[in-house]
N, C-alpha and C. Protein backbone atom coordinates (compact mmCIF):
# COMPACT_ATOMS: atom_id res chain seq x y z
N MET A 1 -13.38 2.78 14.75
CA MET A 1 -13.41 3.70 13.77
C MET A 1 -12.47 3.22 12.60
N GLN A 2 -12.84 3.56 11.38
CA GLN A 2 -12.11 3.17 10.23
C GLN A 2 -11.21 4.38 9.68
N ILE A 3 -10.00 4.15 9.44
CA ILE A 3 -9.13 5.12 8.93
C ILE A 3 -8.74 4.80 7.47
N TYR A 4 -8.46 5.78 6.72
CA TYR A 4 -8.18 5.69 5.24
C TYR A 4 -6.88 6.24 4.91
N LEU A 5 -6.16 5.58 3.98
CA LEU A 5 -4.89 6.07 3.51
C LEU A 5 -4.72 5.87 2.05
N PHE A 6 -4.34 6.80 1.31
CA PHE A 6 -4.05 6.52 -0.14
C PHE A 6 -2.49 6.60 -0.33
N LEU A 7 -2.08 5.53 -0.82
CA LEU A 7 -0.51 5.41 -1.10
C LEU A 7 -0.34 5.60 -2.63
N SER A 8 0.67 6.33 -2.93
CA SER A 8 0.90 6.53 -4.45
C SER A 8 2.43 6.54 -4.62
N GLY A 9 2.80 6.36 -5.84
CA GLY A 9 4.22 6.38 -6.24
C GLY A 9 4.45 5.92 -7.60
N GLU A 10 5.70 5.74 -8.06
CA GLU A 10 6.09 5.21 -9.36
C GLU A 10 5.71 3.75 -9.43
N ASP A 11 5.32 3.29 -10.60
CA ASP A 11 4.87 1.90 -10.82
C ASP A 11 6.20 0.94 -10.75
N ASP A 12 6.74 0.76 -9.63
CA ASP A 12 8.00 -0.10 -9.57
C ASP A 12 7.93 -0.91 -8.31
N SER A 13 9.02 -1.66 -8.01
CA SER A 13 9.05 -2.58 -6.91
C SER A 13 8.90 -1.83 -5.50
N SER A 14 9.46 -0.59 -5.44
CA SER A 14 9.35 0.17 -4.24
C SER A 14 7.91 0.46 -3.82
N PHE A 15 7.06 0.63 -4.77
CA PHE A 15 5.60 0.85 -4.47
C PHE A 15 5.01 -0.47 -3.98
N CYS A 16 5.39 -1.64 -4.55
CA CYS A 16 4.89 -2.85 -4.03
C CYS A 16 5.35 -3.15 -2.65
N HIS A 17 6.58 -2.80 -2.25
CA HIS A 17 7.12 -2.87 -0.86
C HIS A 17 6.27 -1.96 -0.01
N LYS A 18 5.97 -0.79 -0.36
CA LYS A 18 5.17 0.21 0.36
C LYS A 18 3.85 -0.48 0.67
N ILE A 19 3.18 -1.04 -0.23
CA ILE A 19 1.90 -1.73 -0.06
C ILE A 19 1.96 -2.82 0.91
N THR A 20 2.98 -3.72 0.68
CA THR A 20 3.24 -4.84 1.51
C THR A 20 3.54 -4.39 2.95
N LYS A 21 4.30 -3.40 3.16
CA LYS A 21 4.49 -2.95 4.53
C LYS A 21 3.17 -2.43 5.23
N ALA A 22 2.39 -1.78 4.44
CA ALA A 22 0.97 -1.33 4.96
C ALA A 22 0.23 -2.52 5.29
N LEU A 23 0.26 -3.61 4.51
CA LEU A 23 -0.55 -4.78 4.69
C LEU A 23 -0.04 -5.48 6.01
N SER A 24 1.21 -5.44 6.23
CA SER A 24 1.87 -6.13 7.36
C SER A 24 1.55 -5.36 8.64
N GLU A 25 1.13 -4.10 8.52
CA GLU A 25 0.85 -3.35 9.62
C GLU A 25 -0.73 -3.31 9.89
N GLY A 26 -1.48 -4.15 9.23
CA GLY A 26 -2.83 -4.28 9.52
C GLY A 26 -3.75 -3.50 8.59
N TRP A 27 -3.22 -2.80 7.62
CA TRP A 27 -4.04 -2.13 6.64
C TRP A 27 -4.65 -3.15 5.62
N VAL A 28 -5.72 -2.81 5.09
CA VAL A 28 -6.36 -3.62 4.16
C VAL A 28 -6.66 -3.01 2.87
N LEU A 29 -6.50 -3.66 1.73
CA LEU A 29 -6.70 -2.99 0.44
C LEU A 29 -8.14 -2.51 0.38
N TYR A 30 -8.28 -1.39 -0.24
CA TYR A 30 -9.64 -0.90 -0.42
C TYR A 30 -9.89 -0.49 -1.87
N GLY A 31 -10.62 -1.15 -2.56
CA GLY A 31 -10.83 -0.95 -3.98
C GLY A 31 -9.71 -1.41 -4.90
N SER A 32 -9.74 -1.06 -6.12
CA SER A 32 -8.75 -1.37 -7.06
C SER A 32 -7.58 -0.33 -7.14
N PRO A 33 -6.40 -0.78 -7.52
CA PRO A 33 -5.32 0.18 -7.71
C PRO A 33 -5.69 1.12 -8.99
N THR A 34 -5.14 2.28 -8.97
CA THR A 34 -5.29 3.20 -10.11
C THR A 34 -3.99 3.49 -10.83
N TYR A 35 -3.92 3.69 -12.03
CA TYR A 35 -2.72 3.95 -12.86
C TYR A 35 -2.90 5.15 -13.55
N ALA A 36 -1.85 5.99 -13.77
CA ALA A 36 -1.91 7.14 -14.55
C ALA A 36 -0.57 7.44 -15.18
N PHE A 37 -0.47 8.05 -16.34
CA PHE A 37 0.82 8.40 -16.92
C PHE A 37 1.17 9.85 -16.60
N ASP A 38 2.30 9.98 -15.99
CA ASP A 38 2.79 11.31 -15.61
C ASP A 38 3.47 11.94 -16.80
N ALA A 39 2.93 12.73 -17.54
CA ALA A 39 3.55 13.36 -18.75
C ALA A 39 4.82 14.08 -18.54
N THR A 40 4.93 14.76 -17.37
CA THR A 40 6.06 15.47 -16.94
C THR A 40 7.20 14.50 -16.69
N ASP A 41 7.03 13.50 -15.90
CA ASP A 41 8.12 12.63 -15.64
C ASP A 41 8.23 11.50 -16.61
N LYS A 42 7.20 11.34 -17.51
CA LYS A 42 7.22 10.37 -18.53
C LYS A 42 7.32 8.91 -17.85
N LYS A 43 6.56 8.72 -16.79
CA LYS A 43 6.48 7.55 -16.09
C LYS A 43 5.10 7.23 -15.66
N MET A 44 4.77 5.93 -15.47
CA MET A 44 3.56 5.43 -14.95
C MET A 44 3.58 5.67 -13.43
N LYS A 45 2.41 6.20 -12.95
CA LYS A 45 2.20 6.34 -11.46
C LYS A 45 1.13 5.36 -11.07
N VAL A 46 1.16 4.97 -9.88
CA VAL A 46 0.16 3.97 -9.31
C VAL A 46 -0.41 4.51 -7.91
N GLY A 47 -1.53 4.14 -7.62
CA GLY A 47 -2.15 4.53 -6.33
C GLY A 47 -2.97 3.39 -5.79
N GLN A 48 -2.99 3.21 -4.58
CA GLN A 48 -3.89 2.18 -3.82
C GLN A 48 -4.36 2.69 -2.47
N ALA A 49 -5.61 2.65 -2.32
CA ALA A 49 -6.25 2.99 -1.04
C ALA A 49 -6.16 1.86 -0.06
N VAL A 50 -5.97 2.13 1.14
CA VAL A 50 -5.95 1.11 2.21
C VAL A 50 -6.72 1.63 3.39
N THR A 51 -7.36 0.74 4.13
CA THR A 51 -8.08 1.13 5.34
C THR A 51 -7.64 0.31 6.48
N ARG A 52 -7.95 0.81 7.75
CA ARG A 52 -7.63 -0.04 8.95
C ARG A 52 -8.77 0.27 10.06
N ILE A 53 -9.17 -0.67 10.67
CA ILE A 53 -10.11 -0.47 11.80
C ILE A 53 -9.24 -0.25 13.05
N VAL A 54 -9.59 0.86 13.75
CA VAL A 54 -8.79 1.11 15.01
C VAL A 54 -9.87 1.37 16.11
N ALA A 55 -9.39 1.37 17.37
CA ALA A 55 -10.24 1.65 18.46
C ALA A 55 -11.08 2.91 18.30
N ASP A 56 -12.19 2.85 18.76
CA ASP A 56 -13.06 4.15 18.84
C ASP A 56 -12.28 5.18 19.61
N GLN A 57 -12.12 6.27 18.99
CA GLN A 57 -11.46 7.48 19.64
C GLN A 57 -11.74 8.76 18.89
N PRO A 58 -11.58 9.85 19.48
CA PRO A 58 -11.73 11.06 18.84
C PRO A 58 -10.74 11.20 17.52
N TYR A 59 -11.29 11.72 16.45
CA TYR A 59 -10.49 11.87 15.22
C TYR A 59 -9.69 13.19 15.44
N ASP A 60 -8.45 13.19 15.23
CA ASP A 60 -7.59 14.30 15.35
C ASP A 60 -6.79 14.59 14.07
N PRO A 61 -7.10 15.54 13.17
CA PRO A 61 -6.45 15.71 11.96
C PRO A 61 -4.96 16.02 12.12
N ASP A 62 -4.44 16.39 13.28
CA ASP A 62 -3.02 16.61 13.54
C ASP A 62 -2.22 15.29 13.84
N LYS A 63 -3.01 14.27 14.14
CA LYS A 63 -2.43 13.03 14.49
C LYS A 63 -1.97 12.18 13.26
N LYS A 64 -0.90 11.56 13.27
CA LYS A 64 -0.44 10.77 12.19
C LYS A 64 -1.31 9.41 12.21
N LEU A 65 -1.73 9.07 11.03
CA LEU A 65 -2.65 7.88 10.89
C LEU A 65 -1.93 6.61 11.49
N ALA A 66 -0.64 6.53 11.38
CA ALA A 66 0.10 5.36 11.96
C ALA A 66 0.00 5.40 13.42
N ASP A 67 -0.28 6.49 14.02
CA ASP A 67 -0.44 6.54 15.53
C ASP A 67 -1.67 6.08 16.03
N TYR A 68 -2.68 5.85 15.22
CA TYR A 68 -3.97 5.35 15.63
C TYR A 68 -3.90 3.87 15.88
N ARG A 69 -4.27 3.40 17.03
CA ARG A 69 -4.33 1.99 17.44
C ARG A 69 -5.66 1.42 17.70
């Protein structure tokens, strides 16, 4: 089964660390990052989708994605 996660945050080094951590846990980049200006915060925001293949198992919407193995 393939699981999907969309990570987002301010366009700064902490976001890069968030993506790097996900990659180190076996997630794979999916598509291109997206950027948007948050007029309320007056800051750029960035998002990146990642996916990971896990063992076939029933999908449970109450289960944390990190708990799928």
